[in-house]
N, C-alpha and C. Protein backbone atom coordinates (compact mmCIF):
# COMPACT_ATOMS: atom_id res chain seq x y z
N MET A 1 0.69 -1.13 0.04
CA MET A 1 -0.25 0.06 0.10
C MET A 1 1.01 1.26 -0.37
N ASP A 2 2.41 0.72 0.50
CA ASP A 2 2.96 2.55 0.44
C ASP A 2 3.76 2.77 -1.28
N GLU A 3 3.57 1.86 -1.88
CA GLU A 3 3.33 1.78 -3.08
C GLU A 3 2.54 2.29 -4.62
N ASN A 4 1.23 2.21 -3.49
CA ASN A 4 -0.37 2.11 -4.26
C ASN A 4 -0.69 2.67 -4.08
N GLU A 5 -1.30 4.02 -4.19
CA GLU A 5 -2.64 4.46 -2.68
C GLU A 5 -3.07 4.17 -3.46
N ASP A 6 -3.98 3.25 -4.21
CA ASP A 6 -4.93 2.27 -5.26
C ASP A 6 -5.37 1.08 -3.72
N LEU A 7 -4.26 0.90 -3.29
CA LEU A 7 -4.14 -0.01 -2.70
C LEU A 7 -4.85 -0.11 -1.45
N GLY A 8 -5.81 -1.36 -1.14
CA GLY A 8 -6.44 -1.43 0.92
C GLY A 8 -6.61 -2.29 1.13
N TYR A 9 -6.73 -2.30 2.76
CA TYR A 9 -7.20 -3.64 2.88
C TYR A 9 -8.63 -3.76 3.67
N TYR A 10 -9.00 -4.76 2.61
CA TYR A 10 -10.89 -4.99 2.61
C TYR A 10 -10.80 -6.33 3.33
N VAL A 11 -12.18 -5.67 4.12
CA VAL A 11 -12.57 -7.03 5.19
C VAL A 11 -14.33 -7.21 4.80
N PRO A 12 -14.90 -8.42 4.09
CA PRO A 12 -15.74 -8.75 3.76
C PRO A 12 -17.03 -8.85 4.68
N ALA A 13 -18.22 -8.91 4.01
CA ALA A 13 -19.03 -7.84 5.74
C ALA A 13 -19.48 -9.58 6.25
N SER A 14 -19.33 -11.10 5.37
CA SER A 14 -19.13 -12.09 5.65
C SER A 14 -18.05 -12.22 7.00
N GLY A 15 -17.69 -11.06 7.51
CA GLY A 15 -15.67 -11.34 8.70
C GLY A 15 -14.54 -11.77 7.38
N THR A 16 -13.97 -12.14 8.64
CA THR A 16 -12.44 -12.77 8.41
C THR A 16 -12.36 -13.28 9.71
N ASN A 17 -10.51 -13.65 9.91
CA ASN A 17 -10.42 -14.35 10.46
C ASN A 17 -9.33 -13.69 11.30
N VAL A 18 -9.23 -13.74 12.90
CA VAL A 18 -8.33 -11.68 13.41
C VAL A 18 -6.77 -13.33 14.37
N TRP A 19 -6.42 -12.35 13.30
CA TRP A 19 -4.53 -13.02 14.21
C TRP A 19 -4.06 -12.02 14.39
N LEU A 20 -2.69 -12.63 15.16
CA LEU A 20 -1.90 -12.11 16.44
C LEU A 20 -0.72 -13.12 16.18
N ASP A 21 0.81 -11.85 15.94
CA ASP A 21 2.12 -13.03 15.94
C ASP A 21 2.17 -12.44 17.85
N ALA A 22 2.95 -13.75 17.97
CA ALA A 22 4.14 -13.72 19.69
C ALA A 22 5.05 -13.92 19.11
N PHE A 23 5.81 -13.20 20.19
CA PHE A 23 6.57 -13.99 21.31
C PHE A 23 5.99 -15.09 22.53
N VAL A 24 7.22 -16.37 21.64
CA VAL A 24 6.85 -17.11 22.46
C VAL A 24 7.94 -18.30 23.36
N ILE A 25 8.18 -18.41 24.91
CA ILE A 25 8.74 -19.38 24.63
C ILE A 25 9.28 -20.71 25.60
N PRO A 26 10.08 -21.74 24.71
CA PRO A 26 9.25 -22.71 24.85
C PRO A 26 10.10 -23.64 26.11
N LYS A 27 8.52 -24.24 26.62
CA LYS A 27 9.33 -24.77 28.10
C LYS A 27 11.28 -25.28 28.48
N ASN A 28 11.09 -25.79 27.12
CA ASN A 28 12.85 -26.50 27.76
C ASN A 28 13.71 -25.28 25.97
N ALA A 29 13.31 -23.88 26.49
CA ALA A 29 14.59 -23.47 26.21
C ALA A 29 15.89 -23.65 26.58
N PRO A 30 16.54 -23.85 25.59
CA PRO A 30 18.15 -23.66 26.38
C PRO A 30 18.93 -22.93 27.45
N ASN A 31 17.87 -21.00 26.97
CA ASN A 31 18.40 -19.73 27.85
C ASN A 31 17.17 -19.13 27.79
N LYS A 32 16.54 -19.45 28.89
CA LYS A 32 15.63 -18.44 28.87
C LYS A 32 15.47 -16.69 29.05
N ASP A 33 16.78 -16.61 29.68
CA ASP A 33 17.34 -15.60 30.11
C ASP A 33 17.39 -14.35 29.23
N ALA A 34 18.20 -15.57 27.50
CA ALA A 34 18.45 -14.73 26.51
C ALA A 34 17.26 -14.02 25.91
N ALA A 35 16.10 -15.21 26.02
CA ALA A 35 14.53 -14.74 24.97
C ALA A 35 14.10 -14.12 26.11
N TYR A 36 14.21 -13.51 27.34
CA TYR A 36 13.56 -13.29 28.20
C TYR A 36 14.25 -11.32 26.75
N ASP A 37 15.29 -11.19 27.50
CA ASP A 37 16.16 -10.29 27.27
C ASP A 37 15.37 -9.63 25.98
N PHE A 38 15.95 -10.82 24.95
CA PHE A 38 15.57 -10.13 23.18
C PHE A 38 13.84 -10.20 23.43
N ILE A 39 12.82 -10.75 24.06
CA ILE A 39 11.29 -9.99 23.97
C ILE A 39 11.26 -8.41 24.64
N ASN A 40 11.81 -7.71 25.56
CA ASN A 40 12.25 -6.30 25.82
C ASN A 40 12.50 -5.99 25.17
N PHE A 41 13.41 -6.31 24.81
CA PHE A 41 14.77 -5.37 23.65
C PHE A 41 13.18 -5.17 22.06
N MET A 42 12.94 -6.07 21.71
CA MET A 42 11.87 -6.19 20.93
C MET A 42 10.77 -5.23 21.69
N THR A 43 10.73 -4.97 22.26
CA THR A 43 9.04 -4.58 23.13
C THR A 43 9.35 -3.45 23.57
N SER A 44 10.34 -2.44 23.81
CA SER A 44 10.51 -1.47 24.14
C SER A 44 9.96 -0.72 23.08
N PHE A 45 9.83 0.64 23.91
CA PHE A 45 8.99 1.40 22.48
C PHE A 45 9.94 1.94 21.24
N ASP A 46 10.60 2.17 21.55
CA ASP A 46 11.46 2.87 20.10
C ASP A 46 11.95 1.70 19.44
N ASN A 47 12.32 -0.03 19.52
CA ASN A 47 11.98 -0.96 19.17
C ASN A 47 10.56 -1.79 18.09
N MET A 48 9.84 -1.17 19.14
CA MET A 48 8.42 -1.44 18.73
C MET A 48 8.28 -0.46 17.21
N LEU A 49 8.55 1.08 18.47
CA LEU A 49 8.21 1.88 17.25
C LEU A 49 8.88 0.85 14.92
N LEU A 50 10.71 1.49 15.73
CA LEU A 50 10.81 0.82 14.09
C LEU A 50 10.97 -0.38 13.78
N ASN A 51 10.27 -1.28 14.13
CA ASN A 51 9.49 -2.34 13.86
C ASN A 51 8.63 -2.58 13.16
N THR A 52 7.61 -2.14 13.64
CA THR A 52 6.03 -1.43 13.12
C THR A 52 6.21 -1.21 12.40
N GLU A 53 6.33 0.85 12.00
CA GLU A 53 7.34 1.08 11.04
C GLU A 53 7.69 0.30 9.25
N TYR A 54 7.94 -0.11 10.41
CA TYR A 54 8.79 -1.65 8.80
C TYR A 54 7.82 -2.23 8.72
N VAL A 55 7.48 -3.10 9.85
CA VAL A 55 6.78 -4.36 9.35
C VAL A 55 5.33 -4.02 8.59
N GLY A 56 4.97 -2.93 9.25
CA GLY A 56 3.56 -2.61 9.02
C GLY A 56 2.27 -3.32 9.78
N TYR A 57 2.87 -3.73 10.45
CA TYR A 57 1.73 -4.62 11.54
C TYR A 57 1.26 -3.74 12.80
N THR A 58 0.19 -3.97 13.20
CA THR A 58 0.00 -2.78 14.46
C THR A 58 0.21 -3.81 15.64
N ALA A 59 1.26 -3.03 16.61
CA ALA A 59 1.89 -2.89 17.60
C ALA A 59 0.98 -3.25 18.34
N PRO A 60 1.66 -4.03 19.71
CA PRO A 60 0.73 -4.22 20.59
C PRO A 60 0.94 -3.43 21.75
N ARG A 61 1.27 -2.13 21.33
CA ARG A 61 2.39 -1.23 23.13
C ARG A 61 1.12 -0.30 22.38
N THR A 62 -0.30 0.06 23.11
CA THR A 62 -0.87 1.30 22.59
C THR A 62 0.01 2.32 22.16
N ASP A 63 0.82 3.25 23.03
CA ASP A 63 2.01 4.04 22.89
C ASP A 63 2.87 3.83 21.32
N VAL A 64 2.13 3.07 21.01
CA VAL A 64 3.25 3.44 19.80
C VAL A 64 1.82 3.42 18.07
N ILE A 65 1.21 2.38 18.72
CA ILE A 65 -0.58 3.09 18.01
C ILE A 65 -0.17 4.13 17.73
N ASN A 66 -0.65 4.20 18.41
CA ASN A 66 -0.74 6.46 18.69
C ASN A 66 0.59 6.56 18.10
N ASP A 67 1.06 7.04 18.20
CA ASP A 67 2.01 7.32 17.58
C ASP A 67 2.61 7.21 15.83
N VAL A 68 1.60 6.03 15.57
CA VAL A 68 2.00 5.36 14.35
C VAL A 68 1.18 6.08 13.76
N ILE A 69 -0.38 6.16 14.37
CA ILE A 69 -1.23 7.00 13.71
C ILE A 69 -1.07 8.85 13.92
N THR A 70 -0.55 9.45 14.66
CA THR A 70 -0.54 10.19 15.18
C THR A 70 0.34 11.23 14.13
N ASN A 71 1.45 10.64 13.56
CA ASN A 71 2.33 10.83 12.88
C ASN A 71 2.23 10.70 11.66
N GLU A 72 0.77 10.01 11.24
CA GLU A 72 0.82 9.17 10.02
C GLU A 72 1.93 8.46 9.02
N THR A 73 1.91 7.42 9.95
CA THR A 73 2.95 6.71 9.13
C THR A 73 1.75 5.94 8.42
N TYR A 74 1.25 5.47 9.04
CA TYR A 74 -0.41 4.39 8.81
C TYR A 74 -1.82 5.13 9.10
N ALA A 75 -2.49 5.18 8.27
CA ALA A 75 -3.82 5.72 8.01
C ALA A 75 -4.45 5.34 9.96
N GLU A 76 -5.58 5.36 10.12
CA GLU A 76 -6.28 4.97 11.57
C GLU A 76 -6.73 4.26 10.64
N ALA A 77 -7.76 4.04 9.90
CA ALA A 77 -8.40 2.69 9.36
C ALA A 77 -7.50 1.59 9.25
N SER A 78 -6.94 1.61 8.56
CA SER A 78 -5.32 0.38 7.99
C SER A 78 -4.27 0.27 9.02
N TYR A 79 -4.72 0.72 9.83
CA TYR A 79 -3.62 0.08 11.14
C TYR A 79 -4.30 -0.50 12.31
N ARG A 80 -5.58 1.20 12.90
CA ARG A 80 -5.94 0.08 14.62
C ARG A 80 -6.66 -1.28 13.98
N MET A 81 -6.18 -2.58 14.24
CA MET A 81 -6.98 -3.58 14.31
C MET A 81 -8.67 -3.67 15.35
N VAL A 82 -9.52 -3.85 15.28
CA VAL A 82 -10.84 -3.74 14.92
C VAL A 82 -11.64 -5.32 14.59
N VAL A 83 -11.74 -6.02 15.74
CA VAL A 83 -13.26 -7.12 15.90
C VAL A 83 -14.82 -6.82 15.51
N ARG A 84 -14.51 -7.49 14.34
CA ARG A 84 -15.86 -6.65 13.95
C ARG A 84 -17.26 -7.87 13.92
N THR A 85 -18.16 -8.13 14.23
CA THR A 85 -19.98 -9.13 14.69
C THR A 85 -18.98 -10.50 14.20
N ASN A 86 -19.25 -9.82 12.23
CA ASN A 86 -18.97 -12.00 11.91
C ASN A 86 -17.50 -12.08 11.97
N ASP A 87 -16.20 -11.59 12.59
CA ASP A 87 -14.45 -11.80 12.59
C ASP A 87 -14.78 -12.99 12.86
N SER A 88 -13.68 -13.96 12.85
CA SER A 88 -13.75 -15.78 13.76
C SER A 88 -12.19 -15.72 14.46
N ILE A 89 -12.45 -15.56 14.93
CA ILE A 89 -11.23 -15.81 16.57
C ILE A 89 -11.62 -16.97 17.61
N PHE A 90 -9.78 -17.43 16.58
CA PHE A 90 -9.24 -19.12 16.68
C PHE A 90 -8.21 -19.06 17.84
N ARG A 91 -8.74 -19.91 18.97
CA ARG A 91 -7.88 -19.63 20.04
C ARG A 91 -7.33 -21.61 19.56
N TYR A 92 -6.30 -21.50 20.55
CA TYR A 92 -5.12 -23.04 20.38
C TYR A 92 -6.07 -23.72 21.25
N ASN A 93 -6.63 -25.21 19.96
CA ASN A 93 -7.19 -26.17 20.97
C ASN A 93 -6.38 -27.53 21.03
N THR A 94 -6.03 -28.06 21.30
CA THR A 94 -5.02 -29.04 21.84
C THR A 94 -5.64 -30.44 20.94
N ASP A 95 -7.55 -30.97 20.87
CA ASP A 95 -7.98 -32.04 20.16
C ASP A 95 -7.79 -31.47 18.90
N LEU A 96 -7.94 -30.29 18.47
CA LEU A 96 -7.95 -29.99 17.34
C LEU A 96 -6.79 -29.88 16.83
N LYS A 97 -5.51 -29.84 17.36
CA LYS A 97 -4.28 -29.47 16.51
C LYS A 97 -3.91 -31.56 16.57
N VAL A 98 -4.49 -31.81 17.06
CA VAL A 98 -3.71 -33.22 17.14
C VAL A 98 -5.19 -34.22 15.96
N LYS A 99 -6.01 -33.52 15.72
CA LYS A 99 -6.72 -34.29 14.92
C LYS A 99 -6.78 -33.51 13.39
N MET A 100 -5.46 -32.51 13.14
CA MET A 100 -5.81 -31.94 12.60
C MET A 100 -3.06 -32.55 11.89
N ALA A 101 -3.31 -32.43 13.14
CA ALA A 101 -2.20 -33.74 12.25
C ALA A 101 -1.99 -34.90 11.80
N GLU A 102 -3.30 -35.17 12.17
CA GLU A 102 -3.39 -37.03 11.74
C GLU A 102 -3.62 -36.57 10.55
N LEU A 103 -4.86 -35.31 10.24
CA LEU A 103 -5.55 -35.39 8.39
C LEU A 103 -4.89 -35.26 7.73
N TRP A 104 -3.52 -34.78 7.83
CA TRP A 104 -2.35 -33.92 7.10
C TRP A 104 -1.72 -35.52 6.95
N ALA A 105 -1.37 -36.04 7.95
CA ALA A 105 -0.04 -36.89 8.10
C ALA A 105 -0.71 -37.89 6.14
N ARG A 106 -2.65 -38.16 6.99
CA ARG A 106 -3.39 -38.79 5.70
C ARG A 106 -3.19 -38.27 4.28
N VAL A 107 -2.92 -37.29 4.34
CA VAL A 107 -3.04 -36.35 3.17
C VAL A 107 -1.36 -36.73 2.71
N ARG A 108 -0.60 -36.52 3.40
CA ARG A 108 0.93 -37.22 3.06
C ARG A 108 0.96 -38.23 2.69
N ALA A 109 0.09 -39.04 2.86
CA ALA A 109 0.44 -40.52 2.59
C ALA A 109 -0.24 -41.14 1.70
N THR A 110 -0.98 -39.64 1.19
CA THR A 110 -1.36 -40.77 -0.41
C THR A 110 -0.71 -39.35 -1.37
N ASN A 111 0.08 -39.01 -1.67
CA ASN A 111 1.07 -38.44 -2.10
C ASN A 111 2.45 -39.13 -2.65
């Protein structure tokens, strides 16, 4: 959209999926302290601002969101996340994960 003003983000009336990215630390991570340091580094105001300006994703920090909108880096309508009535939110589901793994195994086995 930075390169073509005729592009935009469209959500159909039927709704869409809602997603987000996250930093996680596995239980068996060998260096949890470094992982926490990295997360703290990336989620500081300055680094999150740099990251969100570069990537274009909505930041999880309200002050970064407000800065990006106030400085007109991105238009509010295309940047601030809005969950609409018809949107779907999917949460982690262990039973579904097992079932999906079984189904993908069957798909791979047929090829």
